[in-house]
N, C-alpha and C. Protein backbone atom coordinates (compact mmCIF):
# COMPACT_ATOMS: atom_id res chain seq x y z
N MET A 1 8.04 -1.27 -20.82
CA MET A 1 8.76 -2.38 -20.25
C MET A 1 8.38 -3.64 -21.05
N SER A 2 9.37 -4.41 -21.46
CA SER A 2 9.11 -5.63 -22.23
C SER A 2 8.56 -6.71 -21.30
N ASP A 3 7.97 -7.74 -21.93
CA ASP A 3 7.44 -8.86 -21.15
C ASP A 3 8.55 -9.53 -20.34
N LYS A 4 9.75 -9.61 -20.93
CA LYS A 4 10.88 -10.23 -20.25
C LYS A 4 11.28 -9.41 -19.02
N ASP A 5 11.31 -8.07 -19.17
CA ASP A 5 11.64 -7.19 -18.05
C ASP A 5 10.59 -7.28 -16.95
N GLU A 6 9.32 -7.31 -17.37
CA GLU A 6 8.23 -7.40 -16.39
C GLU A 6 8.33 -8.71 -15.62
N ARG A 7 8.58 -9.80 -16.32
CA ARG A 7 8.71 -11.11 -15.66
C ARG A 7 9.88 -11.09 -14.68
N SER A 8 10.98 -10.47 -15.10
CA SER A 8 12.16 -10.37 -14.24
C SER A 8 11.83 -9.58 -12.97
N HIS A 9 11.07 -8.49 -13.12
CA HIS A 9 10.66 -7.70 -11.95
C HIS A 9 9.81 -8.53 -11.00
N LEU A 10 8.87 -9.29 -11.56
CA LEU A 10 7.97 -10.08 -10.72
C LEU A 10 8.71 -11.20 -10.00
N VAL A 11 9.66 -11.83 -10.69
CA VAL A 11 10.45 -12.88 -10.05
C VAL A 11 11.30 -12.28 -8.94
N GLY A 12 11.88 -11.11 -9.18
CA GLY A 12 12.67 -10.42 -8.15
C GLY A 12 11.82 -10.04 -6.95
N LEU A 13 10.63 -9.53 -7.22
CA LEU A 13 9.71 -9.19 -6.14
C LEU A 13 9.36 -10.44 -5.33
N GLY A 14 9.04 -11.52 -6.02
CA GLY A 14 8.69 -12.76 -5.33
C GLY A 14 9.81 -13.27 -4.44
N ALA A 15 11.03 -13.22 -4.95
CA ALA A 15 12.18 -13.68 -4.16
C ALA A 15 12.37 -12.78 -2.94
N PHE A 16 12.17 -11.48 -3.13
CA PHE A 16 12.32 -10.54 -2.02
C PHE A 16 11.25 -10.78 -0.96
N ILE A 17 10.01 -10.98 -1.39
CA ILE A 17 8.92 -11.25 -0.44
C ILE A 17 9.23 -12.53 0.34
N ARG A 18 9.65 -13.57 -0.36
CA ARG A 18 9.97 -14.85 0.29
C ARG A 18 11.08 -14.66 1.33
N SER A 19 12.13 -13.95 0.94
CA SER A 19 13.25 -13.78 1.88
C SER A 19 12.83 -12.96 3.09
N GLN A 20 12.03 -11.92 2.89
CA GLN A 20 11.56 -11.11 4.01
C GLN A 20 10.61 -11.89 4.90
N ARG A 21 9.78 -12.73 4.30
CA ARG A 21 8.88 -13.58 5.08
C ARG A 21 9.68 -14.55 5.95
N ARG A 22 10.69 -15.14 5.36
CA ARG A 22 11.52 -16.07 6.13
C ARG A 22 12.29 -15.37 7.23
N LEU A 23 12.80 -14.16 6.94
CA LEU A 23 13.48 -13.40 7.98
C LEU A 23 12.54 -13.07 9.13
N ALA A 24 11.27 -12.83 8.80
CA ALA A 24 10.27 -12.54 9.83
C ALA A 24 9.77 -13.82 10.50
N GLN A 25 10.29 -14.94 10.07
CA GLN A 25 9.92 -16.26 10.61
C GLN A 25 8.42 -16.50 10.51
N LEU A 26 7.88 -16.22 9.32
CA LEU A 26 6.47 -16.45 9.05
C LEU A 26 6.32 -17.53 7.99
N SER A 27 5.31 -18.35 8.13
CA SER A 27 4.96 -19.30 7.07
C SER A 27 4.16 -18.53 6.01
N GLN A 28 3.99 -19.15 4.85
CA GLN A 28 3.14 -18.50 3.84
C GLN A 28 1.73 -18.33 4.38
N ARG A 29 1.26 -19.32 5.09
CA ARG A 29 -0.09 -19.26 5.66
C ARG A 29 -0.22 -18.09 6.64
N GLU A 30 0.79 -17.91 7.49
CA GLU A 30 0.75 -16.80 8.47
C GLU A 30 0.79 -15.45 7.75
N LEU A 31 1.62 -15.34 6.70
CA LEU A 31 1.67 -14.09 5.94
C LEU A 31 0.33 -13.84 5.26
N ALA A 32 -0.25 -14.87 4.70
CA ALA A 32 -1.55 -14.73 4.05
C ALA A 32 -2.60 -14.22 5.04
N LYS A 33 -2.59 -14.78 6.23
CA LYS A 33 -3.56 -14.35 7.25
C LYS A 33 -3.35 -12.90 7.65
N LEU A 34 -2.08 -12.49 7.83
CA LEU A 34 -1.77 -11.11 8.21
C LEU A 34 -2.19 -10.10 7.14
N THR A 35 -2.11 -10.53 5.89
CA THR A 35 -2.40 -9.62 4.77
C THR A 35 -3.82 -9.77 4.23
N LYS A 36 -4.56 -10.75 4.78
CA LYS A 36 -5.92 -11.04 4.31
C LYS A 36 -5.92 -11.46 2.83
N LEU A 37 -4.86 -12.21 2.46
CA LEU A 37 -4.75 -12.78 1.12
C LEU A 37 -4.88 -14.29 1.24
N SER A 38 -5.16 -14.95 0.14
CA SER A 38 -5.24 -16.41 0.20
C SER A 38 -3.84 -17.00 0.19
N ASP A 39 -3.73 -18.16 0.79
CA ASP A 39 -2.46 -18.89 0.84
C ASP A 39 -1.92 -19.15 -0.58
N PRO A 40 -2.76 -19.65 -1.51
CA PRO A 40 -2.25 -19.89 -2.87
C PRO A 40 -1.77 -18.61 -3.56
N TYR A 41 -2.45 -17.49 -3.29
CA TYR A 41 -2.05 -16.23 -3.92
C TYR A 41 -0.67 -15.79 -3.41
N VAL A 42 -0.42 -15.93 -2.12
CA VAL A 42 0.90 -15.58 -1.57
C VAL A 42 1.96 -16.46 -2.22
N SER A 43 1.66 -17.73 -2.39
CA SER A 43 2.59 -18.66 -3.04
C SER A 43 2.88 -18.21 -4.47
N GLN A 44 1.84 -17.82 -5.18
CA GLN A 44 2.00 -17.38 -6.57
C GLN A 44 2.80 -16.08 -6.64
N LEU A 45 2.59 -15.18 -5.69
CA LEU A 45 3.38 -13.94 -5.65
C LEU A 45 4.85 -14.26 -5.45
N GLU A 46 5.14 -15.17 -4.53
CA GLU A 46 6.52 -15.53 -4.23
C GLU A 46 7.21 -16.20 -5.43
N ARG A 47 6.42 -16.81 -6.29
CA ARG A 47 6.99 -17.45 -7.48
C ARG A 47 6.99 -16.52 -8.69
N GLY A 48 6.53 -15.28 -8.50
CA GLY A 48 6.55 -14.30 -9.58
C GLY A 48 5.50 -14.53 -10.65
N LEU A 49 4.38 -15.14 -10.27
CA LEU A 49 3.35 -15.48 -11.25
C LEU A 49 2.28 -14.40 -11.41
N HIS A 50 2.21 -13.46 -10.48
CA HIS A 50 1.19 -12.41 -10.54
C HIS A 50 1.81 -11.06 -10.24
N GLU A 51 1.23 -10.03 -10.85
CA GLU A 51 1.61 -8.66 -10.52
C GLU A 51 0.60 -8.15 -9.49
N PRO A 52 1.05 -7.93 -8.26
CA PRO A 52 0.11 -7.52 -7.21
C PRO A 52 -0.33 -6.06 -7.37
N SER A 53 -1.50 -5.77 -6.84
CA SER A 53 -2.00 -4.40 -6.83
C SER A 53 -1.27 -3.59 -5.77
N VAL A 54 -1.45 -2.30 -5.80
CA VAL A 54 -0.85 -1.43 -4.80
C VAL A 54 -1.39 -1.79 -3.41
N ARG A 55 -2.67 -2.12 -3.33
CA ARG A 55 -3.27 -2.52 -2.05
C ARG A 55 -2.56 -3.74 -1.49
N VAL A 56 -2.30 -4.72 -2.34
CA VAL A 56 -1.61 -5.94 -1.91
C VAL A 56 -0.18 -5.62 -1.48
N LEU A 57 0.50 -4.78 -2.23
CA LEU A 57 1.87 -4.41 -1.87
C LEU A 57 1.90 -3.69 -0.52
N ARG A 58 0.92 -2.85 -0.28
CA ARG A 58 0.85 -2.15 1.01
C ARG A 58 0.60 -3.14 2.15
N ALA A 59 -0.28 -4.09 1.92
CA ALA A 59 -0.57 -5.09 2.95
C ALA A 59 0.67 -5.94 3.24
N LEU A 60 1.38 -6.33 2.19
CA LEU A 60 2.61 -7.10 2.38
C LEU A 60 3.66 -6.29 3.12
N GLY A 61 3.82 -5.03 2.73
CA GLY A 61 4.79 -4.16 3.40
C GLY A 61 4.48 -4.01 4.87
N SER A 62 3.21 -3.82 5.18
CA SER A 62 2.80 -3.67 6.57
C SER A 62 3.07 -4.95 7.36
N ALA A 63 2.73 -6.09 6.79
CA ALA A 63 2.92 -7.37 7.49
C ALA A 63 4.40 -7.71 7.67
N LEU A 64 5.23 -7.31 6.70
CA LEU A 64 6.65 -7.64 6.75
C LEU A 64 7.51 -6.52 7.34
N ASN A 65 6.84 -5.42 7.71
CA ASN A 65 7.53 -4.27 8.31
C ASN A 65 8.59 -3.68 7.38
N ILE A 66 8.21 -3.52 6.12
CA ILE A 66 9.09 -2.87 5.14
C ILE A 66 8.25 -1.84 4.38
N PRO A 67 8.87 -0.78 3.88
CA PRO A 67 8.10 0.23 3.16
C PRO A 67 7.46 -0.34 1.90
N ALA A 68 6.20 -0.03 1.67
CA ALA A 68 5.51 -0.48 0.46
C ALA A 68 6.22 0.03 -0.78
N GLU A 69 6.86 1.20 -0.68
CA GLU A 69 7.57 1.77 -1.82
C GLU A 69 8.71 0.86 -2.27
N THR A 70 9.31 0.16 -1.33
CA THR A 70 10.38 -0.79 -1.68
C THR A 70 9.79 -1.88 -2.56
N LEU A 71 8.64 -2.41 -2.18
CA LEU A 71 7.98 -3.44 -2.98
C LEU A 71 7.54 -2.89 -4.33
N MET A 72 7.04 -1.67 -4.32
CA MET A 72 6.58 -1.04 -5.56
C MET A 72 7.73 -0.85 -6.55
N GLY A 73 8.91 -0.61 -6.03
CA GLY A 73 10.08 -0.46 -6.90
C GLY A 73 10.38 -1.72 -7.68
N TYR A 74 10.08 -2.87 -7.10
CA TYR A 74 10.34 -4.14 -7.79
C TYR A 74 9.47 -4.33 -9.02
N VAL A 75 8.27 -3.76 -9.02
CA VAL A 75 7.37 -3.91 -10.17
C VAL A 75 7.32 -2.66 -11.03
N GLY A 76 8.21 -1.71 -10.77
CA GLY A 76 8.31 -0.52 -11.60
C GLY A 76 7.29 0.56 -11.31
N LEU A 77 6.65 0.52 -10.15
CA LEU A 77 5.66 1.54 -9.80
C LEU A 77 6.29 2.78 -9.19
N THR A 78 7.54 2.67 -8.77
CA THR A 78 8.29 3.83 -8.27
C THR A 78 9.67 3.76 -8.88
N ASP A 79 10.41 4.83 -8.73
CA ASP A 79 11.78 4.86 -9.21
C ASP A 79 12.58 3.83 -8.43
N GLU A 80 13.11 2.83 -9.12
CA GLU A 80 13.81 1.74 -8.43
C GLU A 80 14.97 2.25 -7.60
N ARG A 81 15.66 3.25 -8.09
CA ARG A 81 16.80 3.76 -7.33
C ARG A 81 16.35 4.33 -5.99
N ALA A 82 15.18 4.94 -5.96
CA ALA A 82 14.67 5.48 -4.70
C ALA A 82 14.20 4.35 -3.79
N ALA A 83 13.79 3.23 -4.38
CA ALA A 83 13.28 2.12 -3.59
C ALA A 83 14.39 1.25 -3.02
N GLU A 84 15.58 1.34 -3.58
CA GLU A 84 16.67 0.52 -3.07
C GLU A 84 17.04 0.95 -1.65
N VAL A 85 17.30 -0.02 -0.84
CA VAL A 85 17.67 0.25 0.54
C VAL A 85 19.18 0.38 0.63
N ASP A 86 19.64 1.46 1.19
CA ASP A 86 21.07 1.65 1.42
C ASP A 86 21.36 1.06 2.79
N THR A 87 21.86 -0.15 2.78
CA THR A 87 22.05 -0.90 4.02
C THR A 87 22.98 -0.18 4.99
N ALA A 88 24.09 0.32 4.49
CA ALA A 88 25.04 1.00 5.37
C ALA A 88 24.40 2.22 6.03
N SER A 89 23.62 2.97 5.28
CA SER A 89 22.94 4.14 5.86
C SER A 89 21.92 3.71 6.91
N ALA A 90 21.21 2.63 6.62
CA ALA A 90 20.21 2.15 7.58
C ALA A 90 20.87 1.73 8.89
N ILE A 91 22.02 1.08 8.78
CA ILE A 91 22.75 0.68 9.99
C ILE A 91 23.19 1.92 10.77
N ARG A 92 23.75 2.88 10.06
CA ARG A 92 24.24 4.10 10.72
C ARG A 92 23.13 4.88 11.40
N GLN A 93 21.91 4.82 10.85
CA GLN A 93 20.80 5.62 11.37
C GLN A 93 19.97 4.90 12.42
N ASP A 94 20.22 3.64 12.66
CA ASP A 94 19.39 2.88 13.59
C ASP A 94 19.64 3.35 15.03
N PRO A 95 18.64 3.95 15.67
CA PRO A 95 18.83 4.48 17.02
C PRO A 95 18.95 3.39 18.09
N LYS A 96 18.57 2.17 17.75
CA LYS A 96 18.63 1.08 18.73
C LYS A 96 20.04 0.50 18.87
N LEU A 97 20.93 0.86 17.97
CA LEU A 97 22.29 0.32 18.00
C LEU A 97 23.25 1.31 18.61
N SER A 98 24.18 0.80 19.40
CA SER A 98 25.24 1.66 19.93
C SER A 98 26.25 1.92 18.82
N ASP A 99 27.14 2.88 19.02
CA ASP A 99 28.17 3.16 18.02
C ASP A 99 29.05 1.94 17.78
N ALA A 100 29.36 1.20 18.83
CA ALA A 100 30.18 0.00 18.69
C ALA A 100 29.45 -1.07 17.89
N GLN A 101 28.15 -1.23 18.14
CA GLN A 101 27.37 -2.21 17.38
C GLN A 101 27.28 -1.81 15.91
N LYS A 102 27.08 -0.53 15.66
CA LYS A 102 27.03 -0.05 14.28
C LYS A 102 28.34 -0.33 13.57
N ALA A 103 29.45 -0.04 14.22
CA ALA A 103 30.76 -0.27 13.61
C ALA A 103 30.96 -1.75 13.30
N ALA A 104 30.57 -2.61 14.23
CA ALA A 104 30.72 -4.05 14.02
C ALA A 104 29.85 -4.53 12.85
N MET A 105 28.62 -4.07 12.82
CA MET A 105 27.73 -4.48 11.74
C MET A 105 28.22 -3.97 10.38
N LEU A 106 28.73 -2.75 10.35
CA LEU A 106 29.26 -2.21 9.10
C LEU A 106 30.46 -3.01 8.60
N GLU A 107 31.31 -3.45 9.53
CA GLU A 107 32.47 -4.27 9.14
C GLU A 107 32.02 -5.61 8.58
N ILE A 108 31.04 -6.22 9.23
CA ILE A 108 30.52 -7.50 8.75
C ILE A 108 29.88 -7.32 7.37
N TYR A 109 29.07 -6.28 7.24
CA TYR A 109 28.40 -6.01 5.96
C TYR A 109 29.43 -5.78 4.86
N LYS A 110 30.45 -4.99 5.16
CA LYS A 110 31.51 -4.72 4.18
C LYS A 110 32.20 -6.01 3.79
N GLY A 111 32.44 -6.87 4.75
CA GLY A 111 33.07 -8.16 4.46
C GLY A 111 32.24 -9.02 3.53
N PHE A 112 30.94 -9.07 3.77
CA PHE A 112 30.07 -9.86 2.91
C PHE A 112 29.95 -9.26 1.51
N THR A 113 29.79 -7.94 1.42
CA THR A 113 29.61 -7.34 0.11
C THR A 113 30.90 -7.31 -0.68
N ASP A 114 32.04 -7.13 -0.02
CA ASP A 114 33.33 -7.19 -0.72
C ASP A 114 33.56 -8.59 -1.25
N GLU A 115 33.19 -9.60 -0.48
CA GLU A 115 33.36 -11.00 -0.89
C GLU A 115 32.47 -11.32 -2.08
N ALA A 116 31.24 -10.80 -2.07
CA ALA A 116 30.28 -11.07 -3.15
C ALA A 116 30.74 -10.43 -4.45
N GLY A 117 31.45 -9.33 -4.36
CA GLY A 117 31.90 -8.61 -5.55
C GLY A 117 33.10 -9.23 -6.25
N LYS A 118 33.70 -10.24 -5.63
CA LYS A 118 34.90 -10.87 -6.22
C LYS A 118 34.54 -11.82 -7.32
């Protein structure tokens, strides 16, 4: 992997961590406390300045309630295609949603992704 590709992976990972943290309604400080990482280190990860260890990725995954393998895919530690989340499949498989809720969410998702592809 070239330095440019590695940097791109780290920036992508950082953006993903930031978005997941915000979705979880956590501050950087709260995420740092949950993961037993320093506040500045979490900030640097979100900006793509460091390549985290597997231990750090597991801690982040646990705190953000996402599979560590998803995070590992961003830095090339697993097959990225396996790490990608199939949103439509996840919606269909969610046992907490009724069939009507699943259908509604799939329509909304399709609307957003069709719009983004234009």
